Amino acid sequence: MDEAERRVKETDELVRETVIRLSRSGSSELLGATAHEDVLGLRPHLEEALAALADIERRRGLTDEELARWRAFKMLLAAAPLF
């Protein structure tokens, strides 16, 4: 596994851990604030993973799993407000 593939996998694991943590959250008010902070915290990881996926695509094209990750990362990044 090369550096780009490792970065994508690590970001995917981070996103999964975040979703699991949020799913175990208590009240809906707390969930909203926590989700907002978590998505903002994921932003740099998502940007790096998308750049890594672009690098992979230039070299060999994306697998179905990588394409699904690309779509998920793009959706999460779109949800993160720009500051």
C-alpha atoms as a PDB file:
ATOM      1  CA  MET A   1       0.000   0.000   0.000  1.00  0.00           C
ATOM      2  CA  ASP A   2       1.483   3.343  -1.000  1.00  0.00           C
ATOM      3  CA  GLU A   3       1.235   6.653   0.863  1.00  0.00           C
ATOM      4  CA  ALA A   4      -1.858   7.882  -1.029  1.00  0.00           C
ATOM      5  CA  GLU A   5      -3.741   4.645  -0.431  1.00  0.00           C
ATOM      6  CA  ARG A   6      -2.746   4.697   3.251  1.00  0.00           C
ATOM      7  CA  ARG A   7      -3.994   8.277   3.633  1.00  0.00           C
ATOM      8  CA  VAL A   8      -7.363   7.377   2.088  1.00  0.00           C
ATOM      9  CA  LYS A   9      -7.733   4.330   4.324  1.00  0.00           C
ATOM     10  CA  GLU A  10      -6.833   6.302   7.465  1.00  0.00           C
ATOM     11  CA  THR A  11      -9.349   9.023   6.612  1.00  0.00           C
ATOM     12  CA  ASP A  12     -12.033   6.416   5.967  1.00  0.00           C
ATOM     13  CA  GLU A  13     -11.344   4.888   9.390  1.00  0.00           C
ATOM     14  CA  LEU A  14     -11.466   8.329  11.013  1.00  0.00           C
ATOM     15  CA  VAL A  15     -14.831   9.053   9.368  1.00  0.00           C
ATOM     16  CA  ARG A  16     -16.205   5.679  10.518  1.00  0.00           C
ATOM     17  CA  GLU A  17     -15.020   6.284  14.099  1.00  0.00           C
ATOM     18  CA  THR A  18     -16.629   9.730  14.039  1.00  0.00           C
ATOM     19  CA  VAL A  19     -19.948   8.336  12.805  1.00  0.00           C
ATOM     20  CA  ILE A  20     -19.928   5.644  15.479  1.00  0.00           C
ATOM     21  CA  ARG A  21     -19.145   8.189  18.199  1.00  0.00           C
ATOM     22  CA  LEU A  22     -21.909  10.504  16.983  1.00  0.00           C
ATOM     23  CA  SER A  23     -24.410   7.640  16.781  1.00  0.00           C
ATOM     24  CA  ARG A  24     -23.821   6.991  20.480  1.00  0.00           C
ATOM     25  CA  SER A  25     -24.359  10.634  21.368  1.00  0.00           C
ATOM     26  CA  GLY A  26     -27.165  11.516  23.791  1.00  0.00           C
ATOM     27  CA  SER A  27     -29.474  14.421  23.081  1.00  0.00           C
ATOM     28  CA  SER A  28     -30.192  15.891  19.664  1.00  0.00           C
ATOM     29  CA  GLU A  29     -28.933  19.332  20.757  1.00  0.00           C
ATOM     30  CA  LEU A  30     -25.605  17.844  21.806  1.00  0.00           C
ATOM     31  CA  LEU A  31     -25.467  15.773  18.629  1.00  0.00           C
ATOM     32  CA  GLY A  32     -25.827  18.851  16.408  1.00  0.00           C
ATOM     33  CA  ALA A  33     -23.025  20.763  18.131  1.00  0.00           C
ATOM     34  CA  THR A  34     -20.767  17.728  18.284  1.00  0.00           C
ATOM     35  CA  ALA A  35     -21.379  16.825  14.640  1.00  0.00           C
ATOM     36  CA  HIS A  36     -20.569  20.382  13.559  1.00  0.00           C
ATOM     37  CA  GLU A  37     -17.266  20.332  15.452  1.00  0.00           C
ATOM     38  CA  ASP A  38     -16.387  16.850  14.221  1.00  0.00           C
ATOM     39  CA  VAL A  39     -17.028  17.696  10.572  1.00  0.00           C
ATOM     40  CA  LEU A  40     -14.884  20.814  10.920  1.00  0.00           C
ATOM     41  CA  GLY A  41     -12.146  18.686  12.462  1.00  0.00           C
ATOM     42  CA  LEU A  42     -12.369  16.207   9.603  1.00  0.00           C
ATOM     43  CA  ARG A  43     -11.979  18.918   6.953  1.00  0.00           C
ATOM     44  CA  PRO A  44      -8.156  18.781   6.599  1.00  0.00           C
ATOM     45  CA  HIS A  45      -8.221  14.972   6.551  1.00  0.00           C
ATOM     46  CA  LEU A  46     -10.932  14.953   3.890  1.00  0.00           C
ATOM     47  CA  GLU A  47      -9.010  17.434   1.742  1.00  0.00           C
ATOM     48  CA  GLU A  48      -5.833  15.339   1.997  1.00  0.00           C
ATOM     49  CA  ALA A  49      -7.718  12.140   1.200  1.00  0.00           C
ATOM     50  CA  LEU A  50      -9.361  13.714  -1.850  1.00  0.00           C
ATOM     51  CA  ALA A  51      -5.962  14.885  -3.090  1.00  0.00           C
ATOM     52  CA  ALA A  52      -4.639  11.359  -2.534  1.00  0.00           C
ATOM     53  CA  LEU A  53      -7.566   9.887  -4.480  1.00  0.00           C
ATOM     54  CA  ALA A  54      -6.871  12.306  -7.339  1.00  0.00           C
ATOM     55  CA  ASP A  55      -3.258  11.106  -7.352  1.00  0.00           C
ATOM     56  CA  ILE A  56      -4.372   7.467  -7.388  1.00  0.00           C
ATOM     57  CA  GLU A  57      -6.810   8.181 -10.231  1.00  0.00           C
ATOM     58  CA  ARG A  58      -4.048   9.752 -12.325  1.00  0.00           C
ATOM     59  CA  ARG A  59      -1.892   6.665 -11.860  1.00  0.00           C
ATOM     60  CA  ARG A  60      -4.340   3.819 -12.342  1.00  0.00           C
ATOM     61  CA  GLY A  61      -7.979   4.831 -11.997  1.00  0.00           C
ATOM     62  CA  LEU A  62     -10.172   4.275  -8.955  1.00  0.00           C
ATOM     63  CA  THR A  63     -11.676   1.032  -7.728  1.00  0.00           C
ATOM     64  CA  ASP A  64     -15.385   0.965  -6.888  1.00  0.00           C
ATOM     65  CA  GLU A  65     -14.496   1.205  -3.188  1.00  0.00           C
ATOM     66  CA  GLU A  66     -12.227   4.216  -3.766  1.00  0.00           C
ATOM     67  CA  LEU A  67     -14.900   5.889  -5.870  1.00  0.00           C
ATOM     68  CA  ALA A  68     -17.438   5.362  -3.064  1.00  0.00           C
ATOM     69  CA  ARG A  69     -14.980   6.893  -0.583  1.00  0.00           C
ATOM     70  CA  TRP A  70     -14.408   9.843  -2.948  1.00  0.00           C
ATOM     71  CA  ARG A  71     -18.171  10.499  -3.055  1.00  0.00           C
ATOM     72  CA  ALA A  72     -18.524  10.201   0.740  1.00  0.00           C
ATOM     73  CA  PHE A  73     -15.548  12.485   1.385  1.00  0.00           C
ATOM     74  CA  LYS A  74     -16.906  15.087  -1.073  1.00  0.00           C
ATOM     75  CA  MET A  75     -20.324  15.035   0.638  1.00  0.00           C
ATOM     76  CA  LEU A  76     -18.777  15.455   4.081  1.00  0.00           C
ATOM     77  CA  LEU A  77     -16.521  18.240   2.871  1.00  0.00           C
ATOM     78  CA  ALA A  78     -19.517  20.038   1.372  1.00  0.00           C
ATOM     79  CA  ALA A  79     -21.194  19.818   4.798  1.00  0.00           C
ATOM     80  CA  ALA A  80     -18.237  21.509   6.526  1.00  0.00           C
ATOM     81  CA  PRO A  81     -18.777  25.269   6.536  1.00  0.00           C
ATOM     82  CA  LEU A  82     -15.956  27.401   5.198  1.00  0.00           C
ATOM     83  CA  PHE A  83     -14.434  29.839   7.646  1.00  0.00           C
END
